[in-house]
Amino acid sequence: MVQRRVPMRTCVGCRIQRSKKELVRVVRTPEGDVVIDRTGKKAGRGAYLCPQTECLEVARKSKALERALEREISPRVWEELRQGLE
């Protein structure tokens, strides 16, 4: 039996590499909206976060998520992301 390779991604907050299934994908859609992608299949530029609010806060303070998505994120969207991770 052939063992399949597990896709790995890095959290933009804590910078720890984990399997893709353990992380939450945040997407900048082609329309410019920033949303949580639970399916991992939405079109757009994606970044990955651990499902803890601590990683979201680190990514916010360091602007890592904004750099990864190449877009400034409004306070309203930050609050939506925080609620989506809880």
C-alpha atoms as a PDB file:
ATOM      1  CA  MET A   1       0.000   0.000   0.000  1.00  0.00           C
ATOM      2  CA  VAL A   2       1.327   3.432  -0.967  1.00  0.00           C
ATOM      3  CA  GLN A   3       1.426   5.982   1.842  1.00  0.00           C
ATOM      4  CA  ARG A   4       0.091   9.371   0.746  1.00  0.00           C
ATOM      5  CA  ARG A   5       1.932  12.565   1.564  1.00  0.00           C
ATOM      6  CA  VAL A   6       0.097  14.837   4.019  1.00  0.00           C
ATOM      7  CA  PRO A   7      -0.040  18.457   2.775  1.00  0.00           C
ATOM      8  CA  MET A   8       1.607  20.813   5.283  1.00  0.00           C
ATOM      9  CA  ARG A   9       0.972  24.530   5.723  1.00  0.00           C
ATOM     10  CA  THR A  10       2.433  27.201   8.020  1.00  0.00           C
ATOM     11  CA  CYS A  11       0.300  29.306  10.364  1.00  0.00           C
ATOM     12  CA  VAL A  12       0.875  33.024   9.645  1.00  0.00           C
ATOM     13  CA  GLY A  13       0.480  33.771  13.358  1.00  0.00           C
ATOM     14  CA  CYS A  14       2.722  31.344  15.255  1.00  0.00           C
ATOM     15  CA  ARG A  15       4.743  30.216  12.170  1.00  0.00           C
ATOM     16  CA  ILE A  16       4.387  26.527  13.152  1.00  0.00           C
ATOM     17  CA  GLN A  17       3.980  24.050  10.306  1.00  0.00           C
ATOM     18  CA  ARG A  18       0.978  21.730  10.665  1.00  0.00           C
ATOM     19  CA  SER A  19      -1.115  19.521   8.422  1.00  0.00           C
ATOM     20  CA  LYS A  20      -3.527  21.415   6.207  1.00  0.00           C
ATOM     21  CA  LYS A  21      -6.543  19.846   7.955  1.00  0.00           C
ATOM     22  CA  GLU A  22      -5.489  21.229  11.376  1.00  0.00           C
ATOM     23  CA  LEU A  23      -5.465  24.841  10.141  1.00  0.00           C
ATOM     24  CA  VAL A  24      -8.177  27.295   9.087  1.00  0.00           C
ATOM     25  CA  ARG A  25      -7.869  28.914   5.657  1.00  0.00           C
ATOM     26  CA  VAL A  26      -8.562  32.620   5.316  1.00  0.00           C
ATOM     27  CA  VAL A  27      -9.163  33.812   1.738  1.00  0.00           C
ATOM     28  CA  ARG A  28      -9.088  37.096  -0.109  1.00  0.00           C
ATOM     29  CA  THR A  29     -11.717  36.475  -2.777  1.00  0.00           C
ATOM     30  CA  PRO A  30     -11.372  37.867  -6.314  1.00  0.00           C
ATOM     31  CA  GLU A  31     -13.908  40.548  -5.275  1.00  0.00           C
ATOM     32  CA  GLY A  32     -11.537  41.639  -2.464  1.00  0.00           C
ATOM     33  CA  ASP A  33     -13.497  40.283   0.523  1.00  0.00           C
ATOM     34  CA  VAL A  34     -11.654  38.482   3.330  1.00  0.00           C
ATOM     35  CA  VAL A  35     -13.530  35.393   4.586  1.00  0.00           C
ATOM     36  CA  ILE A  36     -12.908  32.108   6.394  1.00  0.00           C
ATOM     37  CA  ASP A  37     -12.854  29.176   3.974  1.00  0.00           C
ATOM     38  CA  ARG A  38     -14.054  26.083   5.843  1.00  0.00           C
ATOM     39  CA  THR A  39     -13.967  23.903   2.698  1.00  0.00           C
ATOM     40  CA  GLY A  40     -10.458  24.912   1.594  1.00  0.00           C
ATOM     41  CA  LYS A  41     -11.642  25.195  -1.999  1.00  0.00           C
ATOM     42  CA  LYS A  42     -12.754  28.826  -2.432  1.00  0.00           C
ATOM     43  CA  ALA A  43     -11.108  30.789  -5.199  1.00  0.00           C
ATOM     44  CA  GLY A  44      -8.678  33.469  -4.162  1.00  0.00           C
ATOM     45  CA  ARG A  45      -5.445  34.096  -2.301  1.00  0.00           C
ATOM     46  CA  GLY A  46      -5.280  32.062   0.899  1.00  0.00           C
ATOM     47  CA  ALA A  47      -3.423  32.100   4.193  1.00  0.00           C
ATOM     48  CA  TYR A  48      -3.584  29.628   7.072  1.00  0.00           C
ATOM     49  CA  LEU A  49      -4.141  30.156  10.809  1.00  0.00           C
ATOM     50  CA  CYS A  50      -4.304  27.840  13.789  1.00  0.00           C
ATOM     51  CA  PRO A  51      -7.888  27.678  15.097  1.00  0.00           C
ATOM     52  CA  GLN A  52      -6.962  29.664  18.253  1.00  0.00           C
ATOM     53  CA  THR A  53      -7.611  33.365  18.758  1.00  0.00           C
ATOM     54  CA  GLU A  54      -4.017  33.746  20.065  1.00  0.00           C
ATOM     55  CA  CYS A  55      -2.629  33.085  16.575  1.00  0.00           C
ATOM     56  CA  LEU A  56      -5.142  35.530  15.093  1.00  0.00           C
ATOM     57  CA  GLU A  57      -3.985  38.220  17.549  1.00  0.00           C
ATOM     58  CA  VAL A  58      -0.310  37.603  16.722  1.00  0.00           C
ATOM     59  CA  ALA A  59      -1.114  37.787  13.001  1.00  0.00           C
ATOM     60  CA  ARG A  60      -3.029  41.035  13.588  1.00  0.00           C
ATOM     61  CA  LYS A  61      -0.276  42.728  15.619  1.00  0.00           C
ATOM     62  CA  SER A  62       2.476  41.733  13.197  1.00  0.00           C
ATOM     63  CA  LYS A  63       0.272  42.409  10.122  1.00  0.00           C
ATOM     64  CA  ALA A  64       1.280  38.948   8.864  1.00  0.00           C
ATOM     65  CA  LEU A  65      -2.228  38.111   7.615  1.00  0.00           C
ATOM     66  CA  GLU A  66      -2.467  41.419   5.758  1.00  0.00           C
ATOM     67  CA  ARG A  67       0.902  40.765   4.091  1.00  0.00           C
ATOM     68  CA  ALA A  68      -0.070  37.196   3.180  1.00  0.00           C
ATOM     69  CA  LEU A  69      -3.380  38.305   1.643  1.00  0.00           C
ATOM     70  CA  GLU A  70      -1.833  41.456   0.128  1.00  0.00           C
ATOM     71  CA  ARG A  71      -4.725  43.560   1.443  1.00  0.00           C
ATOM     72  CA  GLU A  72      -5.472  45.813   4.415  1.00  0.00           C
ATOM     73  CA  ILE A  73      -8.070  44.241   6.709  1.00  0.00           C
ATOM     74  CA  SER A  74     -10.760  46.381   8.343  1.00  0.00           C
ATOM     75  CA  PRO A  75     -11.612  46.121  12.089  1.00  0.00           C
ATOM     76  CA  ARG A  76     -15.044  44.696  11.176  1.00  0.00           C
ATOM     77  CA  VAL A  77     -13.429  41.818   9.262  1.00  0.00           C
ATOM     78  CA  TRP A  78     -10.995  41.153  12.161  1.00  0.00           C
ATOM     79  CA  GLU A  79     -14.000  40.792  14.486  1.00  0.00           C
ATOM     80  CA  GLU A  80     -15.738  38.445  12.022  1.00  0.00           C
ATOM     81  CA  LEU A  81     -12.574  36.322  11.840  1.00  0.00           C
ATOM     82  CA  ARG A  82     -12.347  36.196  15.644  1.00  0.00           C
ATOM     83  CA  GLN A  83     -15.984  35.061  15.908  1.00  0.00           C
ATOM     84  CA  GLY A  84     -15.458  32.510  13.135  1.00  0.00           C
ATOM     85  CA  LEU A  85     -12.534  30.923  14.973  1.00  0.00           C
ATOM     86  CA  GLU A  86     -14.412  30.578  18.291  1.00  0.00           C
END
